């Protein structure tokens, strides 16, 4: 049995994930974290993020943003990207991961989650039964509580890398 904190896949960036291949394997929905997953913390949707969402829509993959942030930050990003969102998601609680799947009309077998934090993003996806992809954080400038968690994440990643 794998550790609940171990992602199913690990990439340097969300932009390196082969979503075409995931679609071929049955993925029809992707739930994304925003900050440090798609853009640096607090940044608006940039051209690279917009191109990614356009490509996913062309493939036939639905997307939902799932963030612990307040609505103004999440709504600003979601409206520009043209995707639905859930704010104040209380990750890692699995309830809103399931709500995101309901919005996309997908299930655990056809949904992937992409995020940059093990203790919130990945743990929540695993609790919800969703395939999880961990990406490296985009920007080292983070809030202090996240910086402290990153030290613990390094320990988890050490053992994760040894297990694969």
Protein backbone atom coordinates (compact mmCIF):
# COMPACT_ATOMS: atom_id res chain seq x y z
CA UNK A 1 0.00 0.00 0.00
CA UNK A 2 1.35 3.39 -0.98
CA UNK A 3 1.58 6.29 1.41
CA UNK A 4 -1.35 8.75 1.20
CA UNK A 5 1.20 11.55 0.84
CA UNK A 6 2.86 10.04 -2.23
CA UNK A 7 1.65 11.45 -5.54
CA UNK A 8 0.83 9.13 -8.42
CA UNK A 9 3.12 11.17 -10.66
CA UNK A 10 5.64 13.98 -10.24
CA UNK A 11 6.61 16.68 -12.76
CA UNK A 12 8.78 19.78 -12.65
CA UNK A 13 5.85 21.83 -14.00
CA UNK A 14 2.15 21.53 -14.77
CA UNK A 15 3.11 22.58 -18.28
CA UNK A 16 5.19 19.41 -18.78
CA UNK A 17 2.27 17.04 -18.20
CA UNK A 18 1.18 15.19 -21.33
CA UNK A 19 -2.56 15.86 -21.16
CA UNK A 20 -3.08 14.33 -24.62
CA UNK A 21 -1.83 11.03 -23.23
CA UNK A 22 -4.01 11.38 -20.13
CA UNK A 23 -7.02 11.95 -22.39
CA UNK A 24 -6.16 8.79 -24.35
CA UNK A 25 -6.10 6.92 -21.03
CA UNK A 26 -9.62 8.13 -20.15
CA UNK A 27 -9.04 11.40 -18.29
CA UNK A 28 -12.01 13.71 -18.83
CA UNK A 29 -11.55 16.12 -15.93
CA UNK A 30 -8.63 17.93 -14.34
CA UNK A 31 -8.79 19.71 -11.01
CA UNK A 32 -6.05 22.31 -10.60
CA UNK A 33 -4.63 24.20 -7.68
CA UNK A 34 -3.71 27.74 -8.79
CA UNK A 35 -0.93 29.37 -6.79
CA UNK A 36 2.53 27.98 -7.45
CA UNK A 37 0.96 25.28 -9.63
CA UNK A 38 -0.17 27.31 -12.66
CA UNK A 39 1.24 30.75 -11.83
CA UNK A 40 3.37 32.27 -9.06
CA UNK A 41 1.46 33.01 -5.86
CA UNK A 42 -1.16 35.73 -6.41
CA UNK A 43 -0.42 36.20 -10.11
CA UNK A 44 -3.24 36.48 -12.67
CA UNK A 45 -3.80 33.89 -15.38
CA UNK A 46 -0.97 34.38 -17.87
CA UNK A 47 -0.71 33.43 -21.54
CA UNK A 48 0.78 30.01 -20.76
CA UNK A 49 -2.09 29.15 -18.38
CA UNK A 50 -4.68 30.41 -20.86
CA UNK A 51 -3.11 28.33 -23.66
CA UNK A 52 -3.20 25.25 -21.42
CA UNK A 53 -6.91 25.69 -20.66
CA UNK A 54 -7.65 26.29 -24.35
CA UNK A 55 -5.83 23.06 -25.24
CA UNK A 56 -7.65 21.08 -22.55
CA UNK A 57 -11.02 22.35 -23.78
CA UNK A 58 -10.08 21.39 -27.36
CA UNK A 59 -9.22 17.88 -26.13
CA UNK A 60 -12.58 17.60 -24.38
CA UNK A 61 -11.21 17.77 -20.85
CA UNK A 62 -13.22 19.77 -18.29
CA UNK A 63 -11.39 21.76 -15.64
CA UNK A 64 -12.15 23.11 -12.19
CA UNK A 65 -9.91 25.24 -10.01
CA UNK A 66 -9.82 24.11 -6.38
CA UNK A 67 -8.23 26.61 -4.03
CA UNK A 68 -8.04 27.35 -0.33
CA UNK A 69 -7.90 31.05 -1.25
CA UNK A 70 -10.77 33.51 -0.87
CA UNK A 71 -13.20 34.06 -3.72
CA UNK A 72 -11.82 37.33 -5.19
CA UNK A 73 -8.44 35.75 -5.97
CA UNK A 74 -9.88 32.50 -7.36
CA UNK A 75 -12.71 34.17 -9.29
CA UNK A 76 -10.30 36.58 -11.01
CA UNK A 77 -8.18 33.71 -12.28
CA UNK A 78 -11.12 31.46 -13.19
CA UNK A 79 -13.00 34.10 -15.16
CA UNK A 80 -9.95 34.91 -17.27
CA UNK A 81 -9.28 31.19 -17.86
CA UNK A 82 -12.94 30.43 -18.55
CA UNK A 83 -13.21 27.60 -16.02
CA UNK A 84 -15.32 26.88 -12.96
CA UNK A 85 -13.91 27.14 -9.48
CA UNK A 86 -14.32 26.29 -5.82
CA UNK A 87 -12.81 28.69 -3.29
CA UNK A 88 -12.09 28.18 0.42
CA UNK A 89 -11.91 24.48 -0.45
CA UNK A 90 -10.52 23.38 2.92
CA UNK A 91 -8.00 21.09 1.27
CA UNK A 92 -7.12 18.34 2.17
CA UNK A 93 -10.74 17.60 3.09
CA UNK A 94 -12.09 15.47 0.19
CA UNK A 95 -15.59 17.03 0.05
CA UNK A 96 -14.74 19.75 -2.46
CA UNK A 97 -12.65 17.42 -4.63
CA UNK A 98 -15.87 15.42 -5.00
CA UNK A 99 -17.81 18.63 -5.65
CA UNK A 100 -15.34 19.49 -8.43
CA UNK A 101 -15.93 16.08 -10.01
CA UNK A 102 -19.69 16.67 -9.79
CA UNK A 103 -19.26 20.01 -11.60
CA UNK A 104 -17.32 18.26 -14.37
CA UNK A 105 -19.56 15.19 -14.38
CA UNK A 106 -16.54 12.94 -13.93
CA UNK A 107 -15.59 10.30 -11.38
CA UNK A 108 -12.41 9.13 -9.63
CA UNK A 109 -11.40 7.03 -12.62
CA UNK A 110 -11.67 9.86 -15.14
CA UNK A 111 -10.27 12.72 -13.03
CA UNK A 112 -6.75 13.93 -12.29
CA UNK A 113 -5.66 16.48 -9.71
CA UNK A 114 -2.62 18.73 -10.24
CA UNK A 115 -1.07 20.68 -7.37
CA UNK A 116 2.19 21.74 -5.73
CA UNK A 117 1.65 20.89 -2.05
CA UNK A 118 1.78 17.41 -0.55
CA UNK A 119 -0.08 18.01 2.71
CA UNK A 120 -3.03 19.82 1.14
CA UNK A 121 -3.28 19.12 -2.59
CA UNK A 122 -1.99 15.56 -2.85
CA UNK A 123 -3.35 14.28 0.47
CA UNK A 124 -6.82 15.61 -0.42
CA UNK A 125 -6.78 14.05 -3.87
CA UNK A 126 -5.72 10.72 -2.41
CA UNK A 127 -8.45 10.92 0.27
CA UNK A 128 -10.97 11.57 -2.51
CA UNK A 129 -9.62 8.63 -4.54
CA UNK A 130 -8.33 10.79 -7.40
CA UNK A 131 -5.12 10.27 -9.42
CA UNK A 132 -2.72 12.93 -8.12
CA UNK A 133 0.09 14.77 -9.88
CA UNK A 134 2.56 16.78 -7.83
CA UNK A 135 4.43 19.62 -9.52
CA UNK A 136 7.32 21.65 -8.21
CA UNK A 137 6.33 25.06 -6.83
CA UNK A 138 6.85 27.84 -9.38
CA UNK A 139 8.07 30.54 -7.01
CA UNK A 140 10.16 30.21 -3.83
CA UNK A 141 8.47 33.28 -2.29
CA UNK A 142 5.65 31.87 -0.16
CA UNK A 143 3.78 32.57 3.05
CA UNK A 144 5.59 31.44 6.20
CA UNK A 145 3.21 28.56 6.98
CA UNK A 146 3.84 27.13 3.51
CA UNK A 147 7.61 27.60 3.82
CA UNK A 148 7.54 25.56 7.04
CA UNK A 149 5.51 22.78 5.37
CA UNK A 150 8.04 22.65 2.52
CA UNK A 151 10.68 21.37 4.95
CA UNK A 152 8.42 18.45 5.87
CA UNK A 153 7.60 17.90 2.19
CA UNK A 154 11.31 17.44 1.47
CA UNK A 155 11.34 14.49 3.86
CA UNK A 156 8.27 12.94 2.21
CA UNK A 157 9.77 13.49 -1.26
CA UNK A 158 13.01 11.85 -0.18
CA UNK A 159 11.17 8.64 0.73
CA UNK A 160 8.83 8.94 -2.27
CA UNK A 161 11.78 9.04 -4.67
CA UNK A 162 13.30 6.01 -2.97
CA UNK A 163 10.04 4.08 -3.43
CA UNK A 164 9.78 4.56 -7.19
